[in-house]
PDB file of N, CA and C in Angstrom:
ATOM      1  N   MET A   1     -30.377   1.456 -34.783  1.00  0.00           N
ATOM      2  CA  MET A   1     -31.412   2.208 -35.450  1.00  0.00           C
ATOM      3  C   MET A   1     -30.887   2.767 -36.768  1.00  0.00           C
ATOM      4  N   THR A   2     -31.785   2.863 -37.709  1.00  0.00           N
ATOM      5  CA  THR A   2     -31.419   3.411 -39.006  1.00  0.00           C
ATOM      6  C   THR A   2     -32.371   4.529 -39.371  1.00  0.00           C
ATOM      7  N   GLN A   3     -31.903   5.456 -40.174  1.00  0.00           N
ATOM      8  CA  GLN A   3     -32.750   6.544 -40.648  1.00  0.00           C
ATOM      9  C   GLN A   3     -33.488   6.086 -41.890  1.00  0.00           C
ATOM     10  N   SER A   4     -34.784   6.361 -41.960  1.00  0.00           N
ATOM     11  CA  SER A   4     -35.581   5.954 -43.096  1.00  0.00           C
ATOM     12  C   SER A   4     -36.626   7.010 -43.379  1.00  0.00           C
ATOM     13  N   ARG A   5     -36.484   7.723 -44.511  1.00  0.00           N
ATOM     14  CA  ARG A   5     -37.448   8.757 -44.917  1.00  0.00           C
ATOM     15  C   ARG A   5     -37.705   9.762 -43.806  1.00  0.00           C
ATOM     16  N   SER A   6     -36.678  10.279 -43.228  1.00  0.00           N
ATOM     17  CA  SER A   6     -36.692  11.279 -42.167  1.00  0.00           C
ATOM     18  C   SER A   6     -37.386  10.793 -40.893  1.00  0.00           C
ATOM     19  N   ARG A   7     -37.603   9.498 -40.760  1.00  0.00           N
ATOM     20  CA  ARG A   7     -38.133   8.920 -39.529  1.00  0.00           C
ATOM     21  C   ARG A   7     -37.146   7.880 -39.037  1.00  0.00           C
ATOM     22  N   GLN A   8     -37.060   7.741 -37.733  1.00  0.00           N
ATOM     23  CA  GLN A   8     -36.200   6.694 -37.197  1.00  0.00           C
ATOM     24  C   GLN A   8     -36.976   5.390 -37.197  1.00  0.00           C
ATOM     25  N   SER A   9     -36.305   4.343 -37.571  1.00  0.00           N
ATOM     26  CA  SER A   9     -36.935   3.023 -37.508  1.00  0.00           C
ATOM     27  C   SER A   9     -35.906   2.026 -37.013  1.00  0.00           C
ATOM     28  N   SER A  10     -36.387   0.977 -36.408  1.00  0.00           N
ATOM     29  CA  SER A  10     -35.486  -0.062 -35.951  1.00  0.00           C
ATOM     30  C   SER A  10     -36.208  -1.392 -36.034  1.00  0.00           C
ATOM     31  N   ILE A  11     -35.449  -2.435 -35.972  1.00  0.00           N
ATOM     32  CA  ILE A  11     -35.996  -3.782 -36.053  1.00  0.00           C
ATOM     33  C   ILE A  11     -35.508  -4.565 -34.849  1.00  0.00           C
ATOM     34  N   LEU A  12     -36.419  -5.226 -34.201  1.00  0.00           N
ATOM     35  CA  LEU A  12     -36.089  -6.132 -33.114  1.00  0.00           C
ATOM     36  C   LEU A  12     -36.529  -7.514 -33.568  1.00  0.00           C
ATOM     37  N   TYR A  13     -35.625  -8.457 -33.562  1.00  0.00           N
ATOM     38  CA  TYR A  13     -35.906  -9.805 -34.020  1.00  0.00           C
ATOM     39  C   TYR A  13     -35.707 -10.739 -32.854  1.00  0.00           C
ATOM     40  N   TYR A  14     -36.737 -11.491 -32.508  1.00  0.00           N
ATOM     41  CA  TYR A  14     -36.670 -12.395 -31.363  1.00  0.00           C
ATOM     42  C   TYR A  14     -37.152 -13.773 -31.788  1.00  0.00           C
ATOM     43  N   VAL A  15     -36.422 -14.794 -31.428  1.00  0.00           N
ATOM     44  CA  VAL A  15     -36.811 -16.167 -31.723  1.00  0.00           C
ATOM     45  C   VAL A  15     -37.158 -16.839 -30.399  1.00  0.00           C
ATOM     46  N   ALA A  16     -38.416 -17.241 -30.262  1.00  0.00           N
ATOM     47  CA  ALA A  16     -38.847 -17.917 -29.038  1.00  0.00           C
ATOM     48  C   ALA A  16     -38.322 -19.339 -29.034  1.00  0.00           C
ATOM     49  N   THR A  17     -37.748 -19.736 -27.924  1.00  0.00           N
ATOM     50  CA  THR A  17     -37.201 -21.082 -27.846  1.00  0.00           C
ATOM     51  C   THR A  17     -37.949 -21.958 -26.856  1.00  0.00           C
ATOM     52  N   ASP A  18     -38.585 -21.357 -25.868  1.00  0.00           N
ATOM     53  CA  ASP A  18     -39.262 -22.171 -24.853  1.00  0.00           C
ATOM     54  C   ASP A  18     -40.744 -21.822 -24.725  1.00  0.00           C
ATOM     55  N   GLN A  19     -41.284 -21.119 -25.717  1.00  0.00           N
ATOM     56  CA  GLN A  19     -42.705 -20.782 -25.774  1.00  0.00           C
ATOM     57  C   GLN A  19     -43.194 -20.003 -24.553  1.00  0.00           C
ATOM     58  N   GLN A  20     -42.329 -19.195 -23.955  1.00  0.00           N
ATOM     59  CA  GLN A  20     -42.710 -18.349 -22.839  1.00  0.00           C
ATOM     60  C   GLN A  20     -43.093 -16.970 -23.370  1.00  0.00           C
ATOM     61  N   PRO A  21     -43.986 -16.246 -22.679  1.00  0.00           N
ATOM     62  CA  PRO A  21     -44.352 -14.899 -23.126  1.00  0.00           C
ATOM     63  C   PRO A  21     -43.152 -13.961 -23.130  1.00  0.00           C
ATOM     64  N   VAL A  22     -43.193 -12.988 -24.013  1.00  0.00           N
ATOM     65  CA  VAL A  22     -42.137 -11.992 -24.129  1.00  0.00           C
ATOM     66  C   VAL A  22     -42.737 -10.641 -23.760  1.00  0.00           C
ATOM     67  N   GLN A  23     -42.045  -9.895 -22.931  1.00  0.00           N
ATOM     68  CA  GLN A  23     -42.500  -8.568 -22.540  1.00  0.00           C
ATOM     69  C   GLN A  23     -41.441  -7.565 -22.982  1.00  0.00           C
ATOM     70  N   ILE A  24     -41.875  -6.559 -23.754  1.00  0.00           N
ATOM     71  CA  ILE A  24     -40.960  -5.555 -24.282  1.00  0.00           C
ATOM     72  C   ILE A  24     -41.422  -4.181 -23.805  1.00  0.00           C
ATOM     73  N   GLU A  25     -40.491  -3.380 -23.318  1.00  0.00           N
ATOM     74  CA  GLU A  25     -40.794  -2.020 -22.897  1.00  0.00           C
ATOM     75  C   GLU A  25     -40.033  -1.066 -23.808  1.00  0.00           C
ATOM     76  N   ILE A  26     -40.759  -0.131 -24.416  1.00  0.00           N
ATOM     77  CA  ILE A  26     -40.156   0.839 -25.325  1.00  0.00           C
ATOM     78  C   ILE A  26     -40.404   2.231 -24.772  1.00  0.00           C
ATOM     79  N   GLN A  27     -39.345   3.023 -24.646  1.00  0.00           N
ATOM     80  CA  GLN A  27     -39.469   4.400 -24.179  1.00  0.00           C
ATOM     81  C   GLN A  27     -39.059   5.336 -25.302  1.00  0.00           C
ATOM     82  N   TYR A  28     -39.849   6.378 -25.506  1.00  0.00           N
ATOM     83  CA  TYR A  28     -39.532   7.352 -26.549  1.00  0.00           C
ATOM     84  C   TYR A  28     -40.090   8.703 -26.143  1.00  0.00           C
ATOM     85  N   GLN A  29     -39.516   9.750 -26.703  1.00  0.00           N
ATOM     86  CA  GLN A  29     -39.967  11.114 -26.448  1.00  0.00           C
ATOM     87  C   GLN A  29     -40.407  11.712 -27.772  1.00  0.00           C
ATOM     88  N   SER A  30     -41.702  11.866 -27.903  1.00  0.00           N
ATOM     89  CA  SER A  30     -42.225  12.401 -29.139  1.00  0.00           C
ATOM     90  C   SER A  30     -43.677  12.781 -28.938  1.00  0.00           C
ATOM     91  N   GLU A  31     -44.075  13.909 -29.513  1.00  0.00           N
ATOM     92  CA  GLU A  31     -45.476  14.301 -29.485  1.00  0.00           C
ATOM     93  C   GLU A  31     -46.215  13.712 -30.684  1.00  0.00           C
ATOM     94  N   GLN A  32     -45.459  13.203 -31.639  1.00  0.00           N
ATOM     95  CA  GLN A  32     -46.051  12.588 -32.823  1.00  0.00           C
ATOM     96  C   GLN A  32     -46.483  11.159 -32.498  1.00  0.00           C
ATOM     97  N   PRO A  33     -47.569  10.696 -33.123  1.00  0.00           N
ATOM     98  CA  PRO A  33     -47.954   9.305 -32.912  1.00  0.00           C
ATOM     99  C   PRO A  33     -46.885   8.352 -33.451  1.00  0.00           C
ATOM    100  N   ASN A  34     -46.679   7.286 -32.770  1.00  0.00           N
ATOM    101  CA  ASN A  34     -45.727   6.258 -33.195  1.00  0.00           C
ATOM    102  C   ASN A  34     -46.494   5.002 -33.540  1.00  0.00           C
ATOM    103  N   THR A  35     -46.074   4.347 -34.584  1.00  0.00           N
ATOM    104  CA  THR A  35     -46.697   3.085 -34.978  1.00  0.00           C
ATOM    105  C   THR A  35     -45.639   1.996 -34.957  1.00  0.00           C
ATOM    106  N   PHE A  36     -45.967   0.935 -34.279  1.00  0.00           N
ATOM    107  CA  PHE A  36     -45.104  -0.224 -34.199  1.00  0.00           C
ATOM    108  C   PHE A  36     -45.799  -1.357 -34.942  1.00  0.00           C
ATOM    109  N   ARG A  37     -45.051  -2.150 -35.640  1.00  0.00           N
ATOM    110  CA  ARG A  37     -45.629  -3.295 -36.340  1.00  0.00           C
ATOM    111  C   ARG A  37     -45.051  -4.566 -35.725  1.00  0.00           C
ATOM    112  N   ILE A  38     -45.960  -5.401 -35.249  1.00  0.00           N
ATOM    113  CA  ILE A  38     -45.591  -6.689 -34.680  1.00  0.00           C
ATOM    114  C   ILE A  38     -45.837  -7.741 -35.759  1.00  0.00           C
ATOM    115  N   ILE A  39     -44.829  -8.534 -36.050  1.00  0.00           N
ATOM    116  CA  ILE A  39     -44.957  -9.590 -37.049  1.00  0.00           C
ATOM    117  C   ILE A  39     -44.582 -10.909 -36.393  1.00  0.00           C
ATOM    118  N   GLU A  40     -45.506 -11.852 -36.448  1.00  0.00           N
ATOM    119  CA  GLU A  40     -45.255 -13.177 -35.891  1.00  0.00           C
ATOM    120  C   GLU A  40     -45.203 -14.184 -37.029  1.00  0.00           C
ATOM    121  N   THR A  41     -44.199 -15.025 -36.997  1.00  0.00           N
ATOM    122  CA  THR A  41     -44.057 -16.082 -37.991  1.00  0.00           C
ATOM    123  C   THR A  41     -44.009 -17.415 -37.267  1.00  0.00           C
ATOM    124  N   SER A  42     -44.886 -18.324 -37.656  1.00  0.00           N
ATOM    125  CA  SER A  42     -44.855 -19.660 -37.069  1.00  0.00           C
ATOM    126  C   SER A  42     -44.780 -20.683 -38.196  1.00  0.00           C
ATOM    127  N   TYR A  43     -44.106 -21.752 -37.919  1.00  0.00           N
ATOM    128  CA  TYR A  43     -43.841 -22.755 -38.948  1.00  0.00           C
ATOM    129  C   TYR A  43     -44.668 -24.021 -38.733  1.00  0.00           C
ATOM    130  N   ASP A  44     -45.918 -23.848 -38.292  1.00  0.00           N
ATOM    131  CA  ASP A  44     -46.773 -25.007 -38.060  1.00  0.00           C
ATOM    132  C   ASP A  44     -47.960 -25.030 -39.029  1.00  0.00           C
ATOM    133  N   LEU A  45     -47.763 -24.507 -40.230  1.00  0.00           N
ATOM    134  CA  LEU A  45     -48.828 -24.475 -41.231  1.00  0.00           C
ATOM    135  C   LEU A  45     -49.429 -25.857 -41.488  1.00  0.00           C
ATOM    136  N   PRO A  46     -48.647 -26.902 -41.636  1.00  0.00           N
ATOM    137  CA  PRO A  46     -49.247 -28.215 -41.900  1.00  0.00           C
ATOM    138  C   PRO A  46     -50.234 -28.663 -40.816  1.00  0.00           C
ATOM    139  N   GLN A  47     -50.031 -28.240 -39.585  1.00  0.00           N
ATOM    140  CA  GLN A  47     -50.925 -28.635 -38.495  1.00  0.00           C
ATOM    141  C   GLN A  47     -52.262 -27.900 -38.560  1.00  0.00           C
ATOM    142  N   HIS A  48     -52.328 -26.775 -39.257  1.00  0.00           N
ATOM    143  CA  HIS A  48     -53.555 -25.976 -39.336  1.00  0.00           C
ATOM    144  C   HIS A  48     -54.386 -26.307 -40.575  1.00  0.00           C
ATOM    145  N   LEU A  49     -53.825 -27.029 -41.504  1.00  0.00           N
ATOM    146  CA  LEU A  49     -54.541 -27.402 -42.725  1.00  0.00           C
ATOM    147  C   LEU A  49     -54.671 -28.918 -42.782  1.00  0.00           C
ATOM    148  N   PRO A  50     -55.868 -29.436 -42.570  1.00  0.00           N
ATOM    149  CA  PRO A  50     -56.016 -30.884 -42.511  1.00  0.00           C
ATOM    150  C   PRO A  50     -55.669 -31.599 -43.816  1.00  0.00           C
ATOM    151  N   ASN A  51     -55.813 -30.932 -44.961  1.00  0.00           N
ATOM    152  CA  ASN A  51     -55.524 -31.578 -46.252  1.00  0.00           C
ATOM    153  C   ASN A  51     -54.152 -31.206 -46.803  1.00  0.00           C
ATOM    154  N   PHE A  52     -53.303 -30.668 -45.954  1.00  0.00           N
ATOM    155  CA  PHE A  52     -51.966 -30.250 -46.387  1.00  0.00           C
ATOM    156  C   PHE A  52     -51.134 -31.468 -46.781  1.00  0.00           C
ATOM    157  N   ILE A  53     -50.530 -31.391 -47.933  1.00  0.00           N
ATOM    158  CA  ILE A  53     -49.645 -32.458 -48.388  1.00  0.00           C
ATOM    159  C   ILE A  53     -48.215 -31.935 -48.313  1.00  0.00           C
ATOM    160  N   ALA A  54     -47.439 -32.541 -47.452  1.00  0.00           N
ATOM    161  CA  ALA A  54     -46.052 -32.099 -47.282  1.00  0.00           C
ATOM    162  C   ALA A  54     -45.250 -32.381 -48.550  1.00  0.00           C
ATOM    163  N   ARG A  55     -44.248 -31.514 -48.788  1.00  0.00           N
ATOM    164  CA  ARG A  55     -43.401 -31.734 -49.962  1.00  0.00           C
ATOM    165  C   ARG A  55     -42.570 -32.994 -49.750  1.00  0.00           C
ATOM    166  N   PRO A  56     -42.235 -33.672 -50.807  1.00  0.00           N
ATOM    167  CA  PRO A  56     -41.386 -34.866 -50.670  1.00  0.00           C
ATOM    168  C   PRO A  56     -40.026 -34.499 -50.078  1.00  0.00           C
ATOM    169  N   GLU A  57     -39.402 -35.444 -49.425  1.00  0.00           N
ATOM    170  CA  GLU A  57     -38.112 -35.219 -48.772  1.00  0.00           C
ATOM    171  C   GLU A  57     -37.029 -34.744 -49.740  1.00  0.00           C
ATOM    172  N   TYR A  58     -37.127 -35.102 -51.010  1.00  0.00           N
ATOM    173  CA  TYR A  58     -36.094 -34.726 -51.970  1.00  0.00           C
ATOM    174  C   TYR A  58     -36.253 -33.297 -52.502  1.00  0.00           C
ATOM    175  N   ILE A  59     -37.314 -32.600 -52.115  1.00  0.00           N
ATOM    176  CA  ILE A  59     -37.523 -31.213 -52.549  1.00  0.00           C
ATOM    177  C   ILE A  59     -37.184 -30.289 -51.387  1.00  0.00           C
ATOM    178  N   MET A  60     -36.284 -29.357 -51.642  1.00  0.00           N
ATOM    179  CA  MET A  60     -35.834 -28.414 -50.618  1.00  0.00           C
ATOM    180  C   MET A  60     -36.669 -27.138 -50.681  1.00  0.00           C
ATOM    181  N   PRO A  61     -37.034 -26.560 -49.533  1.00  0.00           N
ATOM    182  CA  PRO A  61     -37.724 -25.271 -49.553  1.00  0.00           C
ATOM    183  C   PRO A  61     -36.821 -24.193 -50.149  1.00  0.00           C
ATOM    184  N   THR A  62     -37.431 -23.124 -50.639  1.00  0.00           N
ATOM    185  CA  THR A  62     -36.661 -22.014 -51.188  1.00  0.00           C
ATOM    186  C   THR A  62     -35.773 -21.428 -50.098  1.00  0.00           C
ATOM    187  N   PRO A  63     -34.462 -21.354 -50.316  1.00  0.00           N
ATOM    188  CA  PRO A  63     -33.580 -20.810 -49.285  1.00  0.00           C
ATOM    189  C   PRO A  63     -33.815 -19.315 -49.061  1.00  0.00           C
ATOM    190  N   PHE A  64     -33.658 -18.886 -47.820  1.00  0.00           N
ATOM    191  CA  PHE A  64     -33.734 -17.483 -47.408  1.00  0.00           C
ATOM    192  C   PHE A  64     -35.106 -16.873 -47.650  1.00  0.00           C
ATOM    193  N   LYS A  65     -36.141 -17.681 -47.734  1.00  0.00           N
ATOM    194  CA  LYS A  65     -37.525 -17.217 -47.871  1.00  0.00           C
ATOM    195  C   LYS A  65     -38.344 -17.878 -46.777  1.00  0.00           C
ATOM    196  N   VAL A  66     -39.442 -17.243 -46.406  1.00  0.00           N
ATOM    197  CA  VAL A  66     -40.348 -17.832 -45.426  1.00  0.00           C
ATOM    198  C   VAL A  66     -41.349 -18.688 -46.194  1.00  0.00           C
ATOM    199  N   THR A  67     -41.223 -19.986 -46.065  1.00  0.00           N
ATOM    200  CA  THR A  67     -42.132 -20.907 -46.746  1.00  0.00           C
ATOM    201  C   THR A  67     -42.782 -21.827 -45.719  1.00  0.00           C
ATOM    202  N   ASP A  68     -43.919 -22.371 -46.046  1.00  0.00           N
ATOM    203  CA  ASP A  68     -44.645 -23.281 -45.158  1.00  0.00           C
ATOM    204  C   ASP A  68     -44.873 -22.631 -43.797  1.00  0.00           C
ATOM    205  N   ALA A  69     -45.217 -21.360 -43.787  1.00  0.00           N
ATOM    206  CA  ALA A  69     -45.341 -20.628 -42.530  1.00  0.00           C
ATOM    207  C   ALA A  69     -46.641 -19.836 -42.493  1.00  0.00           C
ATOM    208  N   ILE A  70     -47.028 -19.470 -41.288  1.00  0.00           N
ATOM    209  CA  ILE A  70     -48.145 -18.562 -41.064  1.00  0.00           C
ATOM    210  C   ILE A  70     -47.523 -17.240 -40.608  1.00  0.00           C
ATOM    211  N   ILE A  71     -47.881 -16.146 -41.277  1.00  0.00           N
ATOM    212  CA  ILE A  71     -47.348 -14.827 -40.925  1.00  0.00           C
ATOM    213  C   ILE A  71     -48.517 -13.934 -40.511  1.00  0.00           C
ATOM    214  N   ILE A  72     -48.423 -13.367 -39.313  1.00  0.00           N
ATOM    215  CA  ILE A  72     -49.440 -12.451 -38.803  1.00  0.00           C
ATOM    216  C   ILE A  72     -48.760 -11.107 -38.571  1.00  0.00           C
ATOM    217  N   SER A  73     -49.348 -10.045 -39.117  1.00  0.00           N
ATOM    218  CA  SER A  73     -48.789  -8.700 -38.983  1.00  0.00           C
ATOM    219  C   SER A  73     -49.850  -7.791 -38.378  1.00  0.00           C
ATOM    220  N   GLN A  74     -49.483  -7.050 -37.327  1.00  0.00           N
ATOM    221  CA  GLN A  74     -50.441  -6.189 -36.628  1.00  0.00           C
ATOM    222  C   GLN A  74     -49.784  -4.858 -36.270  1.00  0.00           C
ATOM    223  N   PRO A  75     -50.322  -3.723 -36.779  1.00  0.00           N
ATOM    224  CA  PRO A  75     -49.781  -2.423 -36.374  1.00  0.00           C
ATOM    225  C   PRO A  75     -50.368  -1.999 -35.022  1.00  0.00           C
ATOM    226  N   ILE A  76     -49.565  -1.321 -34.221  1.00  0.00           N
ATOM    227  CA  ILE A  76     -49.997  -0.782 -32.936  1.00  0.00           C
ATOM    228  C   ILE A  76     -49.587   0.680 -32.924  1.00  0.00           C
ATOM    229  N   SER A  77     -50.561   1.577 -32.781  1.00  0.00           N
ATOM    230  CA  SER A  77     -50.268   3.018 -32.760  1.00  0.00           C
ATOM    231  C   SER A  77     -50.394   3.543 -31.328  1.00  0.00           C
ATOM    232  N   HIS A  78     -49.522   4.507 -31.006  1.00  0.00           N
ATOM    233  CA  HIS A  78     -49.508   5.069 -29.659  1.00  0.00           C
ATOM    234  C   HIS A  78     -49.034   6.513 -29.729  1.00  0.00           C
ATOM    235  N   THR A  79     -49.656   7.365 -28.923  1.00  0.00           N
ATOM    236  CA  THR A  79     -49.227   8.748 -28.805  1.00  0.00           C
ATOM    237  C   THR A  79     -48.733   8.972 -27.387  1.00  0.00           C
ATOM    238  N   ASN A  80     -47.526   9.506 -27.245  1.00  0.00           N
ATOM    239  CA  ASN A  80     -46.924   9.793 -25.950  1.00  0.00           C
ATOM    240  C   ASN A  80     -47.442  11.142 -25.482  1.00  0.00           C
ATOM    241  N   ARG A  81     -48.207  11.156 -24.413  1.00  0.00           N
ATOM    242  CA  ARG A  81     -48.784  12.431 -23.915  1.00  0.00           C
ATOM    243  C   ARG A  81     -48.310  12.732 -22.538  1.00  0.00           C
TER     244      ARG A  81
END
């Protein structure tokens, strides 16, 4: 965990290998609402766009960037009562 603007934040990074569901349990003690952000990245963009033209084999994707991907971000808020 790292401190960020007087709030604690952490990052959990999981790579699915067998397409099985993932169940995560988080325990915290706080009367303040907590917001978690779930971000899913999938690399099957060409399959979702029928007119997608793949880059030629001699062109490399930008290194260390998410390219040719679908990114879904969803905040989840919860108050511990």
